[in-house]
Amino acid sequence: MARVLIVGCGCRGQGLARSLRADGHAVRGTTRDRARAAAIATAGAEPYVGDPDRIATLTYALDNVTILCWLLGSATGPDPALRALHGPRLKMLLERAIDTTIRGIVYETAGTVAPDVLAEGRAAVARACAYSEIPHAFLDADPADPPRWLAAARAEIDGLLGCATLAADTPETR
């Protein structure tokens, strides 16, 4: 089984955490607000208080993670802050991911954030993952349709876990 880190573990992230836990995966979910940690724990995930606007606060959340899910397609805030979140902040996290156990990244490309901002994040993930040879997936499902979104999120994670399993089973790692 794998450990999945959900950055942005709000309502949809907690539903994803419950689904992953039901299949035996370990899940860690982030929140900026310590008061929301109990809801994450109730969903079966290990709560981690960290702010994606301050990437250093997420450093220890990356420990022993196989799949990183950046679920911030519906983040709120002023436009410059959202552009930073899906631009330089995301790029910084991707740079840190290269020296971790992360073997797959899911980036949410749909939501209420401006499409051009999400497109910038998508391009950053594609570039960083090509450079670091980390498999990645884009979660394009509309978050306004939670059942479809959850099914799509699970499909992307399960696909990456298949890639991670294959990569871990090479002759060099036996």
N, C-alpha and C. Protein backbone atom coordinates (compact mmCIF):
# COMPACT_ATOMS: atom_id res chain seq x y z
N MET A 1 0.83 -1.17 0.00
CA MET A 1 0.00 0.00 0.00
C MET A 1 0.88 1.24 0.00
N ALA A 2 0.29 2.35 -0.38
CA ALA A 2 1.04 3.59 -0.55
C ALA A 2 0.59 4.64 0.46
N ARG A 3 1.41 5.67 0.59
CA ARG A 3 1.01 6.86 1.36
C ARG A 3 0.75 7.96 0.35
N VAL A 4 -0.43 8.57 0.47
CA VAL A 4 -0.84 9.65 -0.42
C VAL A 4 -0.93 10.94 0.39
N LEU A 5 -0.32 11.99 -0.12
CA LEU A 5 -0.40 13.31 0.51
C LEU A 5 -1.40 14.15 -0.28
N ILE A 6 -2.41 14.64 0.41
CA ILE A 6 -3.41 15.51 -0.20
C ILE A 6 -3.15 16.93 0.28
N VAL A 7 -2.64 17.77 -0.60
CA VAL A 7 -2.44 19.18 -0.28
C VAL A 7 -3.73 19.89 -0.68
N GLY A 8 -4.42 20.37 0.34
CA GLY A 8 -5.74 20.96 0.14
C GLY A 8 -6.80 19.92 0.50
N CYS A 9 -6.79 19.47 1.74
CA CYS A 9 -7.66 18.36 2.17
C CYS A 9 -8.94 18.91 2.79
N GLY A 10 -9.72 19.61 1.95
CA GLY A 10 -11.03 20.10 2.36
C GLY A 10 -12.07 19.00 2.16
N CYS A 11 -13.28 19.39 1.84
CA CYS A 11 -14.37 18.41 1.72
C CYS A 11 -14.07 17.33 0.68
N ARG A 12 -13.68 17.73 -0.54
CA ARG A 12 -13.38 16.73 -1.58
C ARG A 12 -12.16 15.90 -1.20
N GLY A 13 -11.16 16.56 -0.66
CA GLY A 13 -9.96 15.84 -0.24
C GLY A 13 -10.26 14.83 0.85
N GLN A 14 -11.16 15.17 1.76
CA GLN A 14 -11.53 14.23 2.81
C GLN A 14 -12.31 13.05 2.24
N GLY A 15 -13.15 13.29 1.25
CA GLY A 15 -13.84 12.18 0.58
C GLY A 15 -12.84 11.26 -0.10
N LEU A 16 -11.83 11.85 -0.74
CA LEU A 16 -10.77 11.07 -1.37
C LEU A 16 -9.99 10.29 -0.31
N ALA A 17 -9.72 10.91 0.81
CA ALA A 17 -9.00 10.23 1.90
C ALA A 17 -9.78 9.01 2.37
N ARG A 18 -11.09 9.16 2.57
CA ARG A 18 -11.91 8.02 3.00
C ARG A 18 -11.84 6.88 1.98
N SER A 19 -11.91 7.21 0.71
CA SER A 19 -11.85 6.20 -0.34
C SER A 19 -10.50 5.49 -0.36
N LEU A 20 -9.44 6.25 -0.23
CA LEU A 20 -8.09 5.65 -0.23
C LEU A 20 -7.88 4.78 1.01
N ARG A 21 -8.33 5.26 2.16
CA ARG A 21 -8.19 4.48 3.40
C ARG A 21 -8.98 3.18 3.31
N ALA A 22 -10.14 3.21 2.68
CA ALA A 22 -10.95 2.00 2.53
C ALA A 22 -10.20 0.93 1.76
N ASP A 23 -9.27 1.35 0.91
CA ASP A 23 -8.46 0.40 0.16
C ASP A 23 -7.12 0.11 0.83
N GLY A 24 -6.94 0.61 2.05
CA GLY A 24 -5.75 0.28 2.83
C GLY A 24 -4.57 1.22 2.68
N HIS A 25 -4.74 2.32 1.94
CA HIS A 25 -3.64 3.26 1.78
C HIS A 25 -3.52 4.17 2.99
N ALA A 26 -2.33 4.60 3.27
CA ALA A 26 -2.11 5.62 4.29
C ALA A 26 -2.31 6.97 3.62
N VAL A 27 -2.93 7.89 4.31
CA VAL A 27 -3.22 9.20 3.74
C VAL A 27 -2.82 10.28 4.73
N ARG A 28 -2.21 11.30 4.21
CA ARG A 28 -1.88 12.49 5.00
C ARG A 28 -2.56 13.66 4.30
N GLY A 29 -3.28 14.48 5.05
CA GLY A 29 -4.00 15.61 4.46
C GLY A 29 -3.59 16.91 5.10
N THR A 30 -3.36 17.92 4.27
CA THR A 30 -2.93 19.20 4.80
C THR A 30 -4.08 20.17 4.98
N THR A 31 -3.89 21.04 5.93
CA THR A 31 -4.80 22.17 6.17
C THR A 31 -3.96 23.33 6.66
N ARG A 32 -4.42 24.52 6.35
CA ARG A 32 -3.77 25.72 6.88
C ARG A 32 -4.26 26.04 8.28
N ASP A 33 -5.43 25.51 8.61
CA ASP A 33 -6.13 25.86 9.84
C ASP A 33 -6.14 24.68 10.81
N ARG A 34 -5.45 24.81 11.92
CA ARG A 34 -5.35 23.74 12.92
C ARG A 34 -6.74 23.25 13.36
N ALA A 35 -7.74 24.13 13.36
CA ALA A 35 -9.09 23.75 13.78
C ALA A 35 -9.73 22.74 12.83
N ARG A 36 -9.23 22.64 11.61
CA ARG A 36 -9.78 21.68 10.64
C ARG A 36 -9.09 20.31 10.69
N ALA A 37 -8.09 20.17 11.52
CA ALA A 37 -7.35 18.91 11.62
C ALA A 37 -8.24 17.76 12.08
N ALA A 38 -9.16 18.03 12.98
CA ALA A 38 -10.05 16.97 13.49
C ALA A 38 -10.90 16.38 12.38
N ALA A 39 -11.39 17.20 11.46
CA ALA A 39 -12.21 16.70 10.35
C ALA A 39 -11.37 15.82 9.43
N ILE A 40 -10.12 16.17 9.22
CA ILE A 40 -9.22 15.36 8.39
C ILE A 40 -8.98 14.02 9.08
N ALA A 41 -8.75 14.03 10.38
CA ALA A 41 -8.55 12.79 11.13
C ALA A 41 -9.79 11.91 11.07
N THR A 42 -10.97 12.52 11.18
CA THR A 42 -12.22 11.76 11.11
C THR A 42 -12.37 11.08 9.75
N ALA A 43 -11.83 11.70 8.71
CA ALA A 43 -11.87 11.11 7.36
C ALA A 43 -10.87 9.97 7.20
N GLY A 44 -10.05 9.74 8.23
CA GLY A 44 -9.09 8.64 8.18
C GLY A 44 -7.70 9.04 7.75
N ALA A 45 -7.46 10.32 7.58
CA ALA A 45 -6.14 10.79 7.17
C ALA A 45 -5.38 11.35 8.36
N GLU A 46 -4.08 11.31 8.25
CA GLU A 46 -3.22 11.95 9.24
C GLU A 46 -3.22 13.44 8.94
N PRO A 47 -3.71 14.27 9.85
CA PRO A 47 -3.74 15.71 9.57
C PRO A 47 -2.34 16.31 9.68
N TYR A 48 -2.07 17.26 8.79
CA TYR A 48 -0.80 17.96 8.80
C TYR A 48 -1.09 19.44 8.57
N VAL A 49 -0.68 20.27 9.53
CA VAL A 49 -0.90 21.70 9.40
C VAL A 49 0.28 22.30 8.65
N GLY A 50 -0.02 22.81 7.46
CA GLY A 50 0.99 23.42 6.61
C GLY A 50 0.32 24.32 5.59
N ASP A 51 1.04 25.30 5.13
CA ASP A 51 0.47 26.30 4.23
C ASP A 51 1.17 26.23 2.87
N PRO A 52 0.43 25.91 1.80
CA PRO A 52 1.07 25.84 0.49
C PRO A 52 1.60 27.19 0.00
N ASP A 53 1.23 28.27 0.67
CA ASP A 53 1.83 29.57 0.36
C ASP A 53 3.21 29.71 1.00
N ARG A 54 3.52 28.82 1.92
CA ARG A 54 4.83 28.77 2.57
C ARG A 54 5.33 27.34 2.47
N ILE A 55 5.93 27.01 1.34
CA ILE A 55 6.29 25.63 1.00
C ILE A 55 7.13 24.97 2.08
N ALA A 56 7.97 25.71 2.76
CA ALA A 56 8.79 25.12 3.82
C ALA A 56 7.94 24.46 4.89
N THR A 57 6.71 24.94 5.10
CA THR A 57 5.84 24.33 6.12
C THR A 57 5.33 22.97 5.68
N LEU A 58 5.50 22.62 4.42
CA LEU A 58 5.05 21.31 3.91
C LEU A 58 6.18 20.30 3.81
N THR A 59 7.40 20.73 4.08
CA THR A 59 8.56 19.86 3.87
C THR A 59 8.41 18.51 4.56
N TYR A 60 8.06 18.48 5.83
CA TYR A 60 7.97 17.21 6.54
C TYR A 60 6.73 16.42 6.15
N ALA A 61 5.75 17.06 5.56
CA ALA A 61 4.57 16.34 5.07
C ALA A 61 4.94 15.41 3.92
N LEU A 62 6.04 15.69 3.24
CA LEU A 62 6.48 14.88 2.10
C LEU A 62 7.13 13.56 2.52
N ASP A 63 7.47 13.43 3.80
CA ASP A 63 8.15 12.22 4.28
C ASP A 63 7.37 10.95 3.95
N ASN A 64 8.02 10.02 3.29
CA ASN A 64 7.48 8.69 2.98
C ASN A 64 6.21 8.72 2.15
N VAL A 65 6.03 9.75 1.34
CA VAL A 65 4.86 9.87 0.47
C VAL A 65 5.17 9.26 -0.89
N THR A 66 4.22 8.50 -1.41
CA THR A 66 4.36 7.92 -2.75
C THR A 66 3.69 8.79 -3.80
N ILE A 67 2.48 9.27 -3.50
CA ILE A 67 1.72 10.10 -4.44
C ILE A 67 1.39 11.43 -3.78
N LEU A 68 1.68 12.53 -4.47
CA LEU A 68 1.36 13.87 -4.03
C LEU A 68 0.19 14.38 -4.85
N CYS A 69 -0.88 14.80 -4.18
CA CYS A 69 -2.06 15.37 -4.85
C CYS A 69 -2.14 16.85 -4.51
N TRP A 70 -2.00 17.71 -5.51
CA TRP A 70 -2.11 19.16 -5.34
C TRP A 70 -3.53 19.53 -5.76
N LEU A 71 -4.44 19.55 -4.78
CA LEU A 71 -5.87 19.74 -5.04
C LEU A 71 -6.30 21.17 -4.70
N LEU A 72 -5.78 22.11 -5.44
CA LEU A 72 -6.03 23.51 -5.16
C LEU A 72 -6.68 24.23 -6.34
N GLY A 73 -7.40 23.48 -7.16
CA GLY A 73 -8.08 24.06 -8.31
C GLY A 73 -9.22 24.98 -7.93
N SER A 74 -9.70 24.88 -6.71
CA SER A 74 -10.77 25.76 -6.23
C SER A 74 -10.32 26.59 -5.04
N ALA A 75 -9.02 26.80 -4.93
CA ALA A 75 -8.51 27.66 -3.86
C ALA A 75 -9.10 29.06 -4.02
N THR A 76 -9.19 29.77 -2.92
CA THR A 76 -9.74 31.13 -2.97
C THR A 76 -8.69 32.12 -2.51
N GLY A 77 -8.90 33.35 -2.92
CA GLY A 77 -8.00 34.42 -2.52
C GLY A 77 -7.83 35.41 -3.65
N PRO A 78 -7.05 36.44 -3.40
CA PRO A 78 -6.80 37.43 -4.45
C PRO A 78 -6.05 36.80 -5.62
N ASP A 79 -6.27 37.34 -6.81
CA ASP A 79 -5.64 36.80 -8.01
C ASP A 79 -4.12 36.65 -7.89
N PRO A 80 -3.40 37.65 -7.39
CA PRO A 80 -1.93 37.48 -7.28
C PRO A 80 -1.55 36.29 -6.39
N ALA A 81 -2.30 36.06 -5.32
CA ALA A 81 -2.00 34.94 -4.43
C ALA A 81 -2.26 33.61 -5.12
N LEU A 82 -3.34 33.51 -5.89
CA LEU A 82 -3.64 32.27 -6.61
C LEU A 82 -2.60 32.02 -7.70
N ARG A 83 -2.17 33.07 -8.37
CA ARG A 83 -1.12 32.92 -9.39
C ARG A 83 0.18 32.43 -8.75
N ALA A 84 0.51 32.93 -7.57
CA ALA A 84 1.71 32.47 -6.87
C ALA A 84 1.57 31.02 -6.43
N LEU A 85 0.37 30.65 -5.98
CA LEU A 85 0.11 29.29 -5.50
C LEU A 85 0.30 28.26 -6.62
N HIS A 86 -0.15 28.60 -7.82
CA HIS A 86 -0.07 27.68 -8.96
C HIS A 86 1.15 27.96 -9.84
N GLY A 87 1.94 28.91 -9.44
CA GLY A 87 3.15 29.27 -10.17
C GLY A 87 4.38 28.99 -9.31
N PRO A 88 4.98 30.04 -8.73
CA PRO A 88 6.23 29.86 -7.99
C PRO A 88 6.14 28.91 -6.80
N ARG A 89 5.03 28.92 -6.06
CA ARG A 89 4.92 28.01 -4.90
C ARG A 89 4.90 26.56 -5.37
N LEU A 90 4.09 26.29 -6.38
CA LEU A 90 4.03 24.93 -6.92
C LEU A 90 5.39 24.51 -7.47
N LYS A 91 6.05 25.38 -8.20
CA LYS A 91 7.36 25.05 -8.76
C LYS A 91 8.37 24.73 -7.65
N MET A 92 8.31 25.49 -6.56
CA MET A 92 9.21 25.23 -5.44
C MET A 92 8.96 23.84 -4.84
N LEU A 93 7.68 23.49 -4.68
CA LEU A 93 7.35 22.17 -4.15
C LEU A 93 7.82 21.07 -5.10
N LEU A 94 7.64 21.29 -6.38
CA LEU A 94 8.07 20.29 -7.37
C LEU A 94 9.59 20.10 -7.34
N GLU A 95 10.32 21.18 -7.12
CA GLU A 95 11.78 21.07 -6.99
C GLU A 95 12.17 20.23 -5.78
N ARG A 96 11.44 20.40 -4.69
CA ARG A 96 11.71 19.61 -3.48
C ARG A 96 11.33 18.15 -3.66
N ALA A 97 10.33 17.88 -4.48
CA ALA A 97 9.83 16.52 -4.65
C ALA A 97 10.87 15.60 -5.28
N ILE A 98 11.81 16.14 -6.02
CA ILE A 98 12.78 15.30 -6.72
C ILE A 98 13.64 14.49 -5.75
N ASP A 99 13.87 15.01 -4.56
CA ASP A 99 14.71 14.32 -3.58
C ASP A 99 13.89 13.65 -2.49
N THR A 100 12.72 13.16 -2.84
CA THR A 100 11.84 12.51 -1.87
C THR A 100 11.43 11.13 -2.40
N THR A 101 10.54 10.50 -1.67
CA THR A 101 10.02 9.19 -2.08
C THR A 101 8.82 9.32 -3.03
N ILE A 102 8.47 10.54 -3.42
CA ILE A 102 7.31 10.75 -4.31
C ILE A 102 7.57 10.10 -5.66
N ARG A 103 6.60 9.27 -6.07
CA ARG A 103 6.68 8.55 -7.34
C ARG A 103 5.52 8.85 -8.26
N GLY A 104 4.76 9.89 -7.91
CA GLY A 104 3.66 10.31 -8.76
C GLY A 104 3.04 11.58 -8.23
N ILE A 105 2.59 12.44 -9.15
CA ILE A 105 1.98 13.72 -8.78
C ILE A 105 0.67 13.87 -9.53
N VAL A 106 -0.38 14.21 -8.79
CA VAL A 106 -1.69 14.53 -9.37
C VAL A 106 -1.91 16.02 -9.18
N TYR A 107 -2.17 16.72 -10.28
CA TYR A 107 -2.43 18.17 -10.24
C TYR A 107 -3.86 18.42 -10.70
N GLU A 108 -4.64 19.09 -9.85
CA GLU A 108 -6.03 19.41 -10.18
C GLU A 108 -6.06 20.59 -11.15
N THR A 109 -6.63 20.35 -12.34
CA THR A 109 -6.65 21.36 -13.39
C THR A 109 -8.04 21.96 -13.62
N ALA A 110 -8.98 21.66 -12.76
CA ALA A 110 -10.33 22.21 -12.89
C ALA A 110 -10.74 22.80 -11.54
N GLY A 111 -11.64 23.74 -11.60
CA GLY A 111 -12.13 24.37 -10.38
C GLY A 111 -12.47 25.81 -10.63
N THR A 112 -12.47 26.59 -9.57
CA THR A 112 -12.87 27.98 -9.66
C THR A 112 -11.70 28.93 -9.92
N VAL A 113 -10.48 28.45 -9.85
CA VAL A 113 -9.31 29.27 -10.16
C VAL A 113 -9.33 29.54 -11.67
N ALA A 114 -8.88 30.71 -12.06
CA ALA A 114 -8.88 31.11 -13.48
C ALA A 114 -8.19 30.05 -14.35
N PRO A 115 -8.78 29.73 -15.48
CA PRO A 115 -8.21 28.70 -16.36
C PRO A 115 -6.75 28.96 -16.76
N ASP A 116 -6.37 30.22 -16.98
CA ASP A 116 -4.99 30.49 -17.37
C ASP A 116 -4.02 30.20 -16.22
N VAL A 117 -4.47 30.40 -15.00
CA VAL A 117 -3.64 30.10 -13.83
C VAL A 117 -3.45 28.59 -13.71
N LEU A 118 -4.53 27.84 -13.88
CA LEU A 118 -4.43 26.37 -13.82
C LEU A 118 -3.60 25.84 -14.98
N ALA A 119 -3.68 26.48 -16.14
CA ALA A 119 -2.86 26.07 -17.29
C ALA A 119 -1.38 26.28 -17.00
N GLU A 120 -1.06 27.37 -16.31
CA GLU A 120 0.33 27.62 -15.92
C GLU A 120 0.82 26.53 -14.97
N GLY A 121 -0.02 26.18 -13.99
CA GLY A 121 0.35 25.11 -13.07
C GLY A 121 0.52 23.78 -13.79
N ARG A 122 -0.38 23.49 -14.70
CA ARG A 122 -0.29 22.24 -15.48
C ARG A 122 1.04 22.18 -16.24
N ALA A 123 1.41 23.29 -16.87
CA ALA A 123 2.67 23.33 -17.61
C ALA A 123 3.87 23.16 -16.67
N ALA A 124 3.80 23.76 -15.49
CA ALA A 124 4.90 23.62 -14.52
C ALA A 124 5.05 22.17 -14.08
N VAL A 125 3.93 21.51 -13.83
CA VAL A 125 3.98 20.09 -13.44
C VAL A 125 4.56 19.26 -14.57
N ALA A 126 4.10 19.48 -15.78
CA ALA A 126 4.60 18.71 -16.92
C ALA A 126 6.11 18.89 -17.09
N ARG A 127 6.59 20.14 -17.00
CA ARG A 127 8.03 20.39 -17.15
C ARG A 127 8.84 19.75 -16.03
N ALA A 128 8.41 19.97 -14.79
CA ALA A 128 9.17 19.44 -13.65
C ALA A 128 9.18 17.92 -13.65
N CYS A 129 8.04 17.32 -13.96
CA CYS A 129 7.97 15.86 -13.94
C CYS A 129 8.74 15.25 -15.10
N ALA A 130 8.79 15.92 -16.24
CA ALA A 130 9.61 15.43 -17.35
C ALA A 130 11.08 15.47 -16.95
N TYR A 131 11.50 16.55 -16.32
CA TYR A 131 12.88 16.69 -15.89
C TYR A 131 13.25 15.65 -14.84
N SER A 132 12.38 15.47 -13.85
CA SER A 132 12.70 14.58 -12.73
C SER A 132 12.27 13.14 -12.98
N GLU A 133 11.60 12.90 -14.10
CA GLU A 133 11.11 11.56 -14.46
C GLU A 133 10.15 11.00 -13.41
N ILE A 134 9.31 11.87 -12.88
CA ILE A 134 8.25 11.47 -11.95
C ILE A 134 6.95 11.40 -12.75
N PRO A 135 6.29 10.26 -12.76
CA PRO A 135 4.99 10.19 -13.45
C PRO A 135 4.00 11.18 -12.84
N HIS A 136 3.12 11.68 -13.69
CA HIS A 136 2.14 12.66 -13.22
C HIS A 136 0.82 12.46 -13.95
N ALA A 137 -0.21 13.06 -13.38
CA ALA A 137 -1.54 12.99 -13.97
C ALA A 137 -2.24 14.31 -13.71
N PHE A 138 -3.19 14.63 -14.57
CA PHE A 138 -3.97 15.85 -14.43
C PHE A 138 -5.41 15.48 -14.14
N LEU A 139 -5.92 16.02 -13.06
CA LEU A 139 -7.29 15.77 -12.63
C LEU A 139 -8.17 16.85 -13.23
N ASP A 140 -8.81 16.51 -14.36
CA ASP A 140 -9.61 17.46 -15.13
C ASP A 140 -11.09 17.44 -14.76
N ALA A 141 -11.52 16.56 -13.89
CA ALA A 141 -12.94 16.44 -13.56
C ALA A 141 -13.43 17.69 -12.83
N ASP A 142 -14.67 18.03 -13.11
CA ASP A 142 -15.29 19.21 -12.50
C ASP A 142 -15.56 18.95 -11.01
N PRO A 143 -14.97 19.75 -10.13
CA PRO A 143 -15.19 19.54 -8.69
C PRO A 143 -16.64 19.81 -8.27
N ALA A 144 -17.42 20.44 -9.12
CA ALA A 144 -18.84 20.67 -8.80
C ALA A 144 -19.66 19.39 -8.90
N ASP A 145 -19.07 18.33 -9.44
CA ASP A 145 -19.72 17.02 -9.55
C ASP A 145 -18.92 16.04 -8.68
N PRO A 146 -19.13 16.05 -7.35
CA PRO A 146 -18.28 15.27 -6.44
C PRO A 146 -18.15 13.78 -6.76
N PRO A 147 -19.22 13.06 -7.11
CA PRO A 147 -19.02 11.64 -7.42
C PRO A 147 -18.11 11.41 -8.64
N ARG A 148 -18.31 12.21 -9.68
CA ARG A 148 -17.47 12.07 -10.87
C ARG A 148 -16.03 12.49 -10.55
N TRP A 149 -15.90 13.57 -9.77
CA TRP A 149 -14.57 14.05 -9.39
C TRP A 149 -13.83 12.97 -8.60
N LEU A 150 -14.51 12.36 -7.63
CA LEU A 150 -13.87 11.33 -6.81
C LEU A 150 -13.45 10.14 -7.66
N ALA A 151 -14.31 9.70 -8.55
CA ALA A 151 -13.97 8.57 -9.43
C ALA A 151 -12.75 8.92 -10.30
N ALA A 152 -12.72 10.13 -10.82
CA ALA A 152 -11.58 10.54 -11.65
C ALA A 152 -10.30 10.64 -10.82
N ALA A 153 -10.41 11.19 -9.61
CA ALA A 153 -9.23 11.30 -8.74
C ALA A 153 -8.68 9.92 -8.43
N ARG A 154 -9.55 8.98 -8.08
CA ARG A 154 -9.11 7.61 -7.79
C ARG A 154 -8.47 6.97 -9.02
N ALA A 155 -9.05 7.19 -10.20
CA ALA A 155 -8.49 6.61 -11.42
C ALA A 155 -7.07 7.14 -11.67
N GLU A 156 -6.88 8.44 -11.47
CA GLU A 156 -5.55 9.03 -11.68
C GLU A 156 -4.55 8.49 -10.66
N ILE A 157 -4.95 8.44 -9.40
CA ILE A 157 -4.05 7.92 -8.36
C ILE A 157 -3.74 6.45 -8.60
N ASP A 158 -4.77 5.66 -8.89
CA ASP A 158 -4.55 4.24 -9.14
C ASP A 158 -3.63 4.02 -10.33
N GLY A 159 -3.78 4.84 -11.37
CA GLY A 159 -2.89 4.74 -12.52
C GLY A 159 -1.45 5.05 -12.14
N LEU A 160 -1.25 6.08 -11.34
CA LEU A 160 0.11 6.42 -10.90
C LEU A 160 0.67 5.34 -9.98
N LEU A 161 -0.16 4.77 -9.14
CA LEU A 161 0.33 3.70 -8.27
C LEU A 161 0.78 2.50 -9.10
N GLY A 162 0.12 2.25 -10.20
CA GLY A 162 0.56 1.20 -11.12
C GLY A 162 1.93 1.52 -11.69
N CYS A 163 2.16 2.80 -12.03
CA CYS A 163 3.47 3.22 -12.53
C CYS A 163 4.52 3.09 -11.45
N ALA A 164 4.17 3.48 -10.22
CA ALA A 164 5.12 3.42 -9.10
C ALA A 164 5.49 1.98 -8.80
N THR A 165 4.50 1.08 -8.88
CA THR A 165 4.77 -0.33 -8.63
C THR A 165 5.72 -0.89 -9.68
N LEU A 166 5.47 -0.55 -10.94
CA LEU A 166 6.33 -1.02 -12.01
C LEU A 166 7.74 -0.46 -11.85
N ALA A 167 7.85 0.83 -11.50
CA ALA A 167 9.16 1.44 -11.34
C ALA A 167 9.92 0.82 -10.17
N ALA A 168 9.21 0.45 -9.11
CA ALA A 168 9.86 -0.13 -7.94
C ALA A 168 10.28 -1.58 -8.19
N ASP A 169 9.74 -2.20 -9.21
CA ASP A 169 10.03 -3.61 -9.48
C ASP A 169 10.99 -3.79 -10.65
N THR A 170 11.91 -2.87 -10.83
CA THR A 170 12.89 -3.01 -11.89
C THR A 170 14.05 -3.86 -11.39
N PRO A 171 14.82 -4.45 -12.29
CA PRO A 171 15.96 -5.28 -11.84
C PRO A 171 16.91 -4.52 -10.93
N GLU A 172 17.03 -3.19 -11.13
CA GLU A 172 17.96 -2.42 -10.31
C GLU A 172 17.52 -2.34 -8.86
N THR A 173 16.20 -2.51 -8.59
CA THR A 173 15.71 -2.37 -7.22
C THR A 173 15.44 -3.72 -6.55
N ARG A 174 15.68 -4.80 -7.24
CA ARG A 174 15.42 -6.11 -6.64
C ARG A 174 16.58 -6.55 -5.79
